[in-house]
PDB file of N, CA and C in Angstrom:
ATOM      1  N   MET A   1     193.822  21.352 -25.150  1.00  0.00           N
ATOM      2  CA  MET A   1     193.903  20.122 -25.897  1.00  0.00           C
ATOM      3  C   MET A   1     193.731  20.425 -27.387  1.00  0.00           C
ATOM      4  N   THR A   2     194.727  20.130 -28.202  1.00  0.00           N
ATOM      5  CA  THR A   2     194.626  20.425 -29.632  1.00  0.00           C
ATOM      6  C   THR A   2     194.056  19.232 -30.390  1.00  0.00           C
ATOM      7  N   ILE A   3     193.488  19.528 -31.539  1.00  0.00           N
ATOM      8  CA  ILE A   3     192.927  18.506 -32.424  1.00  0.00           C
ATOM      9  C   ILE A   3     193.588  18.663 -33.782  1.00  0.00           C
ATOM     10  N   THR A   4     194.157  17.572 -34.270  1.00  0.00           N
ATOM     11  CA  THR A   4     194.757  17.563 -35.596  1.00  0.00           C
ATOM     12  C   THR A   4     194.006  16.575 -36.469  1.00  0.00           C
ATOM     13  N   LYS A   5     193.602  17.032 -37.645  1.00  0.00           N
ATOM     14  CA  LYS A   5     192.889  16.199 -38.612  1.00  0.00           C
ATOM     15  C   LYS A   5     193.698  16.119 -39.892  1.00  0.00           C
ATOM     16  N   ARG A   6     193.712  14.931 -40.467  1.00  0.00           N
ATOM     17  CA  ARG A   6     194.268  14.750 -41.815  1.00  0.00           C
ATOM     18  C   ARG A   6     193.164  14.139 -42.663  1.00  0.00           C
ATOM     19  N   VAL A   7     192.777  14.847 -43.699  1.00  0.00           N
ATOM     20  CA  VAL A   7     191.699  14.380 -44.569  1.00  0.00           C
ATOM     21  C   VAL A   7     192.256  14.240 -45.975  1.00  0.00           C
ATOM     22  N   THR A   8     192.043  13.066 -46.567  1.00  0.00           N
ATOM     23  CA  THR A   8     192.531  12.803 -47.918  1.00  0.00           C
ATOM     24  C   THR A   8     191.373  12.877 -48.903  1.00  0.00           C
ATOM     25  N   PHE A   9     191.626  13.527 -50.025  1.00  0.00           N
ATOM     26  CA  PHE A   9     190.656  13.657 -51.106  1.00  0.00           C
ATOM     27  C   PHE A   9     191.277  13.068 -52.366  1.00  0.00           C
ATOM     28  N   ILE A  10     190.528  12.261 -53.076  1.00  0.00           N
ATOM     29  CA  ILE A  10     190.946  11.752 -54.387  1.00  0.00           C
ATOM     30  C   ILE A  10     190.024  12.392 -55.411  1.00  0.00           C
ATOM     31  N   ALA A  11     190.589  13.240 -56.240  1.00  0.00           N
ATOM     32  CA  ALA A  11     189.795  13.949 -57.255  1.00  0.00           C
ATOM     33  C   ALA A  11     189.479  13.015 -58.411  1.00  0.00           C
ATOM     34  N   LYS A  12     188.341  13.237 -59.035  1.00  0.00           N
ATOM     35  CA  LYS A  12     188.032  12.536 -60.281  1.00  0.00           C
ATOM     36  C   LYS A  12     189.047  13.007 -61.313  1.00  0.00           C
ATOM     37  N   PRO A  13     189.456  12.141 -62.249  1.00  0.00           N
ATOM     38  CA  PRO A  13     190.533  12.492 -63.192  1.00  0.00           C
ATOM     39  C   PRO A  13     190.325  13.824 -63.920  1.00  0.00           C
ATOM     40  N   GLN A  14     189.118  14.127 -64.318  1.00  0.00           N
ATOM     41  CA  GLN A  14     188.841  15.357 -65.054  1.00  0.00           C
ATOM     42  C   GLN A  14     188.640  16.559 -64.134  1.00  0.00           C
ATOM     43  N   SER A  15     188.756  16.348 -62.826  1.00  0.00           N
ATOM     44  CA  SER A  15     188.433  17.403 -61.870  1.00  0.00           C
ATOM     45  C   SER A  15     189.589  17.802 -60.957  1.00  0.00           C
ATOM     46  N   ILE A  16     190.797  17.436 -61.298  1.00  0.00           N
ATOM     47  CA  ILE A  16     191.946  17.709 -60.429  1.00  0.00           C
ATOM     48  C   ILE A  16     192.100  19.205 -60.168  1.00  0.00           C
ATOM     49  N   GLU A  17     192.059  20.006 -61.206  1.00  0.00           N
ATOM     50  CA  GLU A  17     192.250  21.449 -61.034  1.00  0.00           C
ATOM     51  C   GLU A  17     191.120  22.090 -60.236  1.00  0.00           C
ATOM     52  N   LYS A  18     189.890  21.647 -60.459  1.00  0.00           N
ATOM     53  CA  LYS A  18     188.755  22.193 -59.714  1.00  0.00           C
ATOM     54  C   LYS A  18     188.847  21.810 -58.241  1.00  0.00           C
ATOM     55  N   MET A  19     189.243  20.565 -57.956  1.00  0.00           N
ATOM     56  CA  MET A  19     189.406  20.138 -56.569  1.00  0.00           C
ATOM     57  C   MET A  19     190.504  20.954 -55.891  1.00  0.00           C
ATOM     58  N   LYS A  20     191.594  21.158 -56.603  1.00  0.00           N
ATOM     59  CA  LYS A  20     192.698  21.963 -56.068  1.00  0.00           C
ATOM     60  C   LYS A  20     192.216  23.370 -55.736  1.00  0.00           C
ATOM     61  N   GLU A  21     191.442  23.956 -56.624  1.00  0.00           N
ATOM     62  CA  GLU A  21     190.905  25.306 -56.422  1.00  0.00           C
ATOM     63  C   GLU A  21     189.994  25.366 -55.191  1.00  0.00           C
ATOM     64  N   LEU A  22     189.081  24.408 -55.072  1.00  0.00           N
ATOM     65  CA  LEU A  22     188.158  24.397 -53.930  1.00  0.00           C
ATOM     66  C   LEU A  22     188.881  24.211 -52.603  1.00  0.00           C
ATOM     67  N   LEU A  23     189.828  23.294 -52.567  1.00  0.00           N
ATOM     68  CA  LEU A  23     190.554  23.040 -51.328  1.00  0.00           C
ATOM     69  C   LEU A  23     191.440  24.220 -50.948  1.00  0.00           C
ATOM     70  N   ASN A  24     192.137  24.773 -51.923  1.00  0.00           N
ATOM     71  CA  ASN A  24     193.012  25.908 -51.633  1.00  0.00           C
ATOM     72  C   ASN A  24     192.237  27.150 -51.208  1.00  0.00           C
ATOM     73  N   ALA A  25     190.997  27.270 -51.649  1.00  0.00           N
ATOM     74  CA  ALA A  25     190.163  28.407 -51.247  1.00  0.00           C
ATOM     75  C   ALA A  25     189.838  28.369 -49.754  1.00  0.00           C
ATOM     76  N   MET A  26     190.035  27.229 -49.126  1.00  0.00           N
ATOM     77  CA  MET A  26     189.758  27.085 -47.694  1.00  0.00           C
ATOM     78  C   MET A  26     190.913  27.567 -46.809  1.00  0.00           C
ATOM     79  N   VAL A  27     192.114  27.650 -47.356  1.00  0.00           N
ATOM     80  CA  VAL A  27     193.304  27.887 -46.535  1.00  0.00           C
ATOM     81  C   VAL A  27     193.288  29.255 -45.858  1.00  0.00           C
ATOM     82  N   LYS A  28     193.218  30.303 -46.622  1.00  0.00           N
ATOM     83  CA  LYS A  28     193.327  31.648 -46.045  1.00  0.00           C
ATOM     84  C   LYS A  28     192.222  31.949 -45.030  1.00  0.00           C
ATOM     85  N   PRO A  29     190.947  31.724 -45.362  1.00  0.00           N
ATOM     86  CA  PRO A  29     189.923  32.032 -44.359  1.00  0.00           C
ATOM     87  C   PRO A  29     189.998  31.124 -43.133  1.00  0.00           C
ATOM     88  N   SER A  30     190.416  29.879 -43.318  1.00  0.00           N
ATOM     89  CA  SER A  30     190.533  28.968 -42.173  1.00  0.00           C
ATOM     90  C   SER A  30     191.647  29.416 -41.242  1.00  0.00           C
ATOM     91  N   LYS A  31     192.775  29.828 -41.820  1.00  0.00           N
ATOM     92  CA  LYS A  31     193.901  30.287 -41.006  1.00  0.00           C
ATOM     93  C   LYS A  31     193.549  31.527 -40.189  1.00  0.00           C
ATOM     94  N   SER A  32     192.595  32.306 -40.661  1.00  0.00           N
ATOM     95  CA  SER A  32     192.231  33.526 -39.936  1.00  0.00           C
ATOM     96  C   SER A  32     191.185  33.275 -38.852  1.00  0.00           C
ATOM     97  N   GLU A  33     190.695  32.056 -38.761  1.00  0.00           N
ATOM     98  CA  GLU A  33     189.694  31.738 -37.747  1.00  0.00           C
ATOM     99  C   GLU A  33     190.316  31.664 -36.355  1.00  0.00           C
ATOM    100  N   GLU A  34     189.522  32.023 -35.377  1.00  0.00           N
ATOM    101  CA  GLU A  34     189.914  31.901 -33.973  1.00  0.00           C
ATOM    102  C   GLU A  34     190.195  30.430 -33.663  1.00  0.00           C
ATOM    103  N   GLY A  35     191.370  30.153 -33.127  1.00  0.00           N
ATOM    104  CA  GLY A  35     191.704  28.793 -32.711  1.00  0.00           C
ATOM    105  C   GLY A  35     192.371  27.937 -33.754  1.00  0.00           C
ATOM    106  N   CYS A  36     192.598  28.468 -34.957  1.00  0.00           N
ATOM    107  CA  CYS A  36     193.309  27.704 -35.982  1.00  0.00           C
ATOM    108  C   CYS A  36     194.814  27.830 -35.721  1.00  0.00           C
ATOM    109  N   ILE A  37     195.460  26.696 -35.571  1.00  0.00           N
ATOM    110  CA  ILE A  37     196.899  26.662 -35.336  1.00  0.00           C
ATOM    111  C   ILE A  37     197.645  26.367 -36.634  1.00  0.00           C
ATOM    112  N   PHE A  38     197.078  25.499 -37.466  1.00  0.00           N
ATOM    113  CA  PHE A  38     197.717  25.100 -38.723  1.00  0.00           C
ATOM    114  C   PHE A  38     196.638  24.665 -39.695  1.00  0.00           C
ATOM    115  N   TYR A  39     196.780  25.060 -40.962  1.00  0.00           N
ATOM    116  CA  TYR A  39     195.834  24.636 -41.993  1.00  0.00           C
ATOM    117  C   TYR A  39     196.541  24.720 -43.341  1.00  0.00           C
ATOM    118  N   GLU A  40     196.783  23.584 -43.950  1.00  0.00           N
ATOM    119  CA  GLU A  40     197.440  23.549 -45.264  1.00  0.00           C
ATOM    120  C   GLU A  40     196.857  22.426 -46.114  1.00  0.00           C
ATOM    121  N   ILE A  41     196.955  22.613 -47.416  1.00  0.00           N
ATOM    122  CA  ILE A  41     196.547  21.601 -48.386  1.00  0.00           C
ATOM    123  C   ILE A  41     197.802  21.141 -49.113  1.00  0.00           C
ATOM    124  N   PHE A  42     197.957  19.841 -49.231  1.00  0.00           N
ATOM    125  CA  PHE A  42     199.098  19.259 -49.932  1.00  0.00           C
ATOM    126  C   PHE A  42     198.592  18.411 -51.091  1.00  0.00           C
ATOM    127  N   GLN A  43     199.280  18.497 -52.217  1.00  0.00           N
ATOM    128  CA  GLN A  43     198.956  17.682 -53.385  1.00  0.00           C
ATOM    129  C   GLN A  43     200.129  16.737 -53.615  1.00  0.00           C
ATOM    130  N   TYR A  44     199.841  15.466 -53.780  1.00  0.00           N
ATOM    131  CA  TYR A  44     200.879  14.462 -53.978  1.00  0.00           C
ATOM    132  C   TYR A  44     201.526  14.647 -55.356  1.00  0.00           C
ATOM    133  N   LYS A  45     202.834  14.713 -55.379  1.00  0.00           N
ATOM    134  CA  LYS A  45     203.563  14.948 -56.625  1.00  0.00           C
ATOM    135  C   LYS A  45     203.364  13.806 -57.625  1.00  0.00           C
ATOM    136  N   ASN A  46     203.445  12.570 -57.167  1.00  0.00           N
ATOM    137  CA  ASN A  46     203.337  11.420 -58.064  1.00  0.00           C
ATOM    138  C   ASN A  46     201.909  10.916 -58.241  1.00  0.00           C
ATOM    139  N   GLN A  47     200.983  11.516 -57.538  1.00  0.00           N
ATOM    140  CA  GLN A  47     199.560  11.204 -57.670  1.00  0.00           C
ATOM    141  C   GLN A  47     198.805  12.529 -57.619  1.00  0.00           C
ATOM    142  N   PRO A  48     198.804  13.294 -58.692  1.00  0.00           N
ATOM    143  CA  PRO A  48     198.231  14.644 -58.656  1.00  0.00           C
ATOM    144  C   PRO A  48     196.739  14.691 -58.331  1.00  0.00           C
ATOM    145  N   GLU A  49     196.069  13.566 -58.425  1.00  0.00           N
ATOM    146  CA  GLU A  49     194.651  13.534 -58.082  1.00  0.00           C
ATOM    147  C   GLU A  49     194.424  13.409 -56.569  1.00  0.00           C
ATOM    148  N   LYS A  50     195.499  13.205 -55.813  1.00  0.00           N
ATOM    149  CA  LYS A  50     195.398  12.991 -54.370  1.00  0.00           C
ATOM    150  C   LYS A  50     195.845  14.235 -53.599  1.00  0.00           C
ATOM    151  N   PHE A  51     194.971  14.669 -52.697  1.00  0.00           N
ATOM    152  CA  PHE A  51     195.226  15.848 -51.876  1.00  0.00           C
ATOM    153  C   PHE A  51     195.074  15.464 -50.403  1.00  0.00           C
ATOM    154  N   MET A  52     195.808  16.150 -49.554  1.00  0.00           N
ATOM    155  CA  MET A  52     195.638  15.955 -48.127  1.00  0.00           C
ATOM    156  C   MET A  52     195.501  17.315 -47.452  1.00  0.00           C
ATOM    157  N   ALA A  53     194.447  17.451 -46.680  1.00  0.00           N
ATOM    158  CA  ALA A  53     194.254  18.631 -45.849  1.00  0.00           C
ATOM    159  C   ALA A  53     194.751  18.272 -44.452  1.00  0.00           C
ATOM    160  N   VAL A  54     195.628  19.105 -43.919  1.00  0.00           N
ATOM    161  CA  VAL A  54     196.122  18.918 -42.563  1.00  0.00           C
ATOM    162  C   VAL A  54     195.746  20.167 -41.782  1.00  0.00           C
ATOM    163  N   GLU A  55     195.034  19.955 -40.697  1.00  0.00           N
ATOM    164  CA  GLU A  55     194.567  21.096 -39.911  1.00  0.00           C
ATOM    165  C   GLU A  55     194.705  20.813 -38.425  1.00  0.00           C
ATOM    166  N   THR A  56     195.105  21.817 -37.688  1.00  0.00           N
ATOM    167  CA  THR A  56     195.212  21.703 -36.239  1.00  0.00           C
ATOM    168  C   THR A  56     194.441  22.849 -35.606  1.00  0.00           C
ATOM    169  N   TRP A  57     193.615  22.492 -34.642  1.00  0.00           N
ATOM    170  CA  TRP A  57     192.753  23.451 -33.953  1.00  0.00           C
ATOM    171  C   TRP A  57     193.058  23.444 -32.466  1.00  0.00           C
ATOM    172  N   ARG A  58     192.911  24.577 -31.853  1.00  0.00           N
ATOM    173  CA  ARG A  58     193.204  24.741 -30.427  1.00  0.00           C
ATOM    174  C   ARG A  58     192.405  23.762 -29.574  1.00  0.00           C
ATOM    175  N   ASP A  59     191.124  23.587 -29.940  1.00  0.00           N
ATOM    176  CA  ASP A  59     190.249  22.707 -29.164  1.00  0.00           C
ATOM    177  C   ASP A  59     189.014  22.384 -30.002  1.00  0.00           C
ATOM    178  N   GLU A  60     188.135  21.579 -29.447  1.00  0.00           N
ATOM    179  CA  GLU A  60     186.933  21.172 -30.170  1.00  0.00           C
ATOM    180  C   GLU A  60     186.012  22.354 -30.473  1.00  0.00           C
ATOM    181  N   ARG A  61     185.990  23.324 -29.600  1.00  0.00           N
ATOM    182  CA  ARG A  61     185.162  24.521 -29.836  1.00  0.00           C
ATOM    183  C   ARG A  61     185.620  25.253 -31.098  1.00  0.00           C
ATOM    184  N   ALA A  62     186.935  25.384 -31.270  1.00  0.00           N
ATOM    185  CA  ALA A  62     187.464  26.045 -32.467  1.00  0.00           C
ATOM    186  C   ALA A  62     187.143  25.234 -33.723  1.00  0.00           C
ATOM    187  N   LEU A  63     187.282  23.910 -33.645  1.00  0.00           N
ATOM    188  CA  LEU A  63     186.962  23.058 -34.795  1.00  0.00           C
ATOM    189  C   LEU A  63     185.480  23.156 -35.144  1.00  0.00           C
ATOM    190  N   ASN A  64     184.627  23.160 -34.140  1.00  0.00           N
ATOM    191  CA  ASN A  64     183.187  23.297 -34.391  1.00  0.00           C
ATOM    192  C   ASN A  64     182.855  24.653 -34.995  1.00  0.00           C
ATOM    193  N   GLY A  65     183.552  25.705 -34.553  1.00  0.00           N
ATOM    194  CA  GLY A  65     183.354  27.024 -35.159  1.00  0.00           C
ATOM    195  C   GLY A  65     183.716  27.005 -36.633  1.00  0.00           C
ATOM    196  N   HIS A  66     184.794  26.321 -36.957  1.00  0.00           N
ATOM    197  CA  HIS A  66     185.222  26.180 -38.361  1.00  0.00           C
ATOM    198  C   HIS A  66     184.125  25.503 -39.182  1.00  0.00           C
ATOM    199  N   LYS A  67     183.542  24.457 -38.627  1.00  0.00           N
ATOM    200  CA  LYS A  67     182.506  23.700 -39.341  1.00  0.00           C
ATOM    201  C   LYS A  67     181.226  24.504 -39.554  1.00  0.00           C
ATOM    202  N   HIS A  68     181.090  25.622 -38.868  1.00  0.00           N
ATOM    203  CA  HIS A  68     179.920  26.480 -39.043  1.00  0.00           C
ATOM    204  C   HIS A  68     180.241  27.772 -39.805  1.00  0.00           C
ATOM    205  N   SER A  69     181.464  27.878 -40.315  1.00  0.00           N
ATOM    206  CA  SER A  69     181.858  29.086 -41.059  1.00  0.00           C
ATOM    207  C   SER A  69     181.258  29.077 -42.466  1.00  0.00           C
ATOM    208  N   GLU A  70     181.158  30.255 -43.040  1.00  0.00           N
ATOM    209  CA  GLU A  70     180.606  30.367 -44.400  1.00  0.00           C
ATOM    210  C   GLU A  70     181.482  29.656 -45.432  1.00  0.00           C
ATOM    211  N   HIS A  71     182.806  29.791 -45.338  1.00  0.00           N
ATOM    212  CA  HIS A  71     183.670  29.142 -46.328  1.00  0.00           C
ATOM    213  C   HIS A  71     183.603  27.621 -46.222  1.00  0.00           C
ATOM    214  N   TYR A  72     183.393  27.094 -45.024  1.00  0.00           N
ATOM    215  CA  TYR A  72     183.232  25.644 -44.865  1.00  0.00           C
ATOM    216  C   TYR A  72     181.920  25.193 -45.504  1.00  0.00           C
ATOM    217  N   LYS A  73     180.861  25.962 -45.312  1.00  0.00           N
ATOM    218  CA  LYS A  73     179.568  25.615 -45.914  1.00  0.00           C
ATOM    219  C   LYS A  73     179.655  25.600 -47.437  1.00  0.00           C
ATOM    220  N   ILE A  74     180.384  26.554 -48.008  1.00  0.00           N
ATOM    221  CA  ILE A  74     180.552  26.595 -49.469  1.00  0.00           C
ATOM    222  C   ILE A  74     181.316  25.373 -49.955  1.00  0.00           C
ATOM    223  N   TYR A  75     182.431  25.070 -49.275  1.00  0.00           N
ATOM    224  CA  TYR A  75     183.217  23.885 -49.637  1.00  0.00           C
ATOM    225  C   TYR A  75     182.355  22.630 -49.521  1.00  0.00           C
ATOM    226  N   LYS A  76     181.674  22.466 -48.388  1.00  0.00           N
ATOM    227  CA  LYS A  76     180.898  21.257 -48.107  1.00  0.00           C
ATOM    228  C   LYS A  76     179.804  21.038 -49.143  1.00  0.00           C
ATOM    229  N   SER A  77     179.218  22.114 -49.644  1.00  0.00           N
ATOM    230  CA  SER A  77     178.123  21.991 -50.600  1.00  0.00           C
ATOM    231  C   SER A  77     178.600  21.863 -52.045  1.00  0.00           C
ATOM    232  N   SER A  78     179.923  21.975 -52.289  1.00  0.00           N
ATOM    233  CA  SER A  78     180.354  21.994 -53.687  1.00  0.00           C
ATOM    234  C   SER A  78     181.457  21.009 -54.068  1.00  0.00           C
ATOM    235  N   TYR A  79     182.079  20.303 -53.123  1.00  0.00           N
ATOM    236  CA  TYR A  79     183.225  19.467 -53.493  1.00  0.00           C
ATOM    237  C   TYR A  79     182.834  18.113 -54.085  1.00  0.00           C
ATOM    238  N   GLU A  80     181.688  17.559 -53.719  1.00  0.00           N
ATOM    239  CA  GLU A  80     181.344  16.190 -54.085  1.00  0.00           C
ATOM    240  C   GLU A  80     181.377  15.873 -55.580  1.00  0.00           C
ATOM    241  N   PRO A  81     180.921  16.748 -56.473  1.00  0.00           N
ATOM    242  CA  PRO A  81     180.971  16.399 -57.897  1.00  0.00           C
ATOM    243  C   PRO A  81     182.394  16.199 -58.429  1.00  0.00           C
ATOM    244  N   TYR A  82     183.379  16.713 -57.737  1.00  0.00           N
ATOM    245  CA  TYR A  82     184.772  16.650 -58.199  1.00  0.00           C
ATOM    246  C   TYR A  82     185.596  15.588 -57.473  1.00  0.00           C
ATOM    247  N   CYS A  83     185.008  14.979 -56.480  1.00  0.00           N
ATOM    248  CA  CYS A  83     185.747  14.071 -55.600  1.00  0.00           C
ATOM    249  C   CYS A  83     185.302  12.620 -55.815  1.00  0.00           C
ATOM    250  N   ALA A  84     186.269  11.733 -56.084  1.00  0.00           N
ATOM    251  CA  ALA A  84     185.972  10.315 -56.222  1.00  0.00           C
ATOM    252  C   ALA A  84     185.911   9.633 -54.863  1.00  0.00           C
ATOM    253  N   LYS A  85     186.729  10.113 -53.908  1.00  0.00           N
ATOM    254  CA  LYS A  85     186.792   9.499 -52.585  1.00  0.00           C
ATOM    255  C   LYS A  85     187.327  10.510 -51.571  1.00  0.00           C
ATOM    256  N   LYS A  86     186.804  10.426 -50.362  1.00  0.00           N
ATOM    257  CA  LYS A  86     187.267  11.282 -49.267  1.00  0.00           C
ATOM    258  C   LYS A  86     187.302  10.440 -48.004  1.00  0.00           C
ATOM    259  N   TYR A  87     188.375  10.551 -47.257  1.00  0.00           N
ATOM    260  CA  TYR A  87     188.426   9.836 -45.984  1.00  0.00           C
ATOM    261  C   TYR A  87     189.341  10.557 -45.006  1.00  0.00           C
ATOM    262  N   THR A  88     189.018  10.389 -43.740  1.00  0.00           N
ATOM    263  CA  THR A  88     189.837  10.958 -42.681  1.00  0.00           C
ATOM    264  C   THR A  88     190.856   9.913 -42.279  1.00  0.00           C
ATOM    265  N   ASP A  89     192.126  10.261 -42.441  1.00  0.00           N
ATOM    266  CA  ASP A  89     193.192   9.346 -42.093  1.00  0.00           C
ATOM    267  C   ASP A  89     193.353   9.230 -40.587  1.00  0.00           C
ATOM    268  N   GLU A  90     193.129  10.332 -39.909  1.00  0.00           N
ATOM    269  CA  GLU A  90     193.450  10.353 -38.484  1.00  0.00           C
ATOM    270  C   GLU A  90     192.747  11.522 -37.815  1.00  0.00           C
ATOM    271  N   LEU A  91     192.248  11.297 -36.646  1.00  0.00           N
ATOM    272  CA  LEU A  91     191.759  12.368 -35.793  1.00  0.00           C
ATOM    273  C   LEU A  91     192.473  12.195 -34.483  1.00  0.00           C
ATOM    274  N   GLU A  92     193.272  13.148 -34.156  1.00  0.00           N
ATOM    275  CA  GLU A  92     194.173  13.011 -33.010  1.00  0.00           C
ATOM    276  C   GLU A  92     193.892  14.113 -31.989  1.00  0.00           C
ATOM    277  N   VAL A  93     193.684  13.720 -30.767  1.00  0.00           N
ATOM    278  CA  VAL A  93     193.479  14.679 -29.689  1.00  0.00           C
ATOM    279  C   VAL A  93     194.675  14.544 -28.756  1.00  0.00           C
ATOM    280  N   LEU A  94     195.418  15.621 -28.607  1.00  0.00           N
ATOM    281  CA  LEU A  94     196.613  15.612 -27.766  1.00  0.00           C
ATOM    282  C   LEU A  94     196.361  16.444 -26.521  1.00  0.00           C
ATOM    283  N   GLY A  95     196.799  15.946 -25.392  1.00  0.00           N
ATOM    284  CA  GLY A  95     196.589  16.674 -24.147  1.00  0.00           C
ATOM    285  C   GLY A  95     197.852  17.282 -23.632  1.00  0.00           C
TER     286      GLY A  95
END
């Protein structure tokens, strides 16, 4: 059963580049994790302050492993000063 998450981030106006840097730093290490099927960050062309993380994991165990990784802990402890809003658009479990 795979899990796909879409998370939207709205950067503070003065923090767009820093938010982009923090989010993009998650891509390579996340893709190398056991159970990662897809992990990409997208920036909206007409709204450069808006980013979407799209990630697909093999199962809940893989997603939980991601949430306990060192790169996730770094991201989690450092993104808030640069982010005006964050929300999960969708959490989808497919069987």
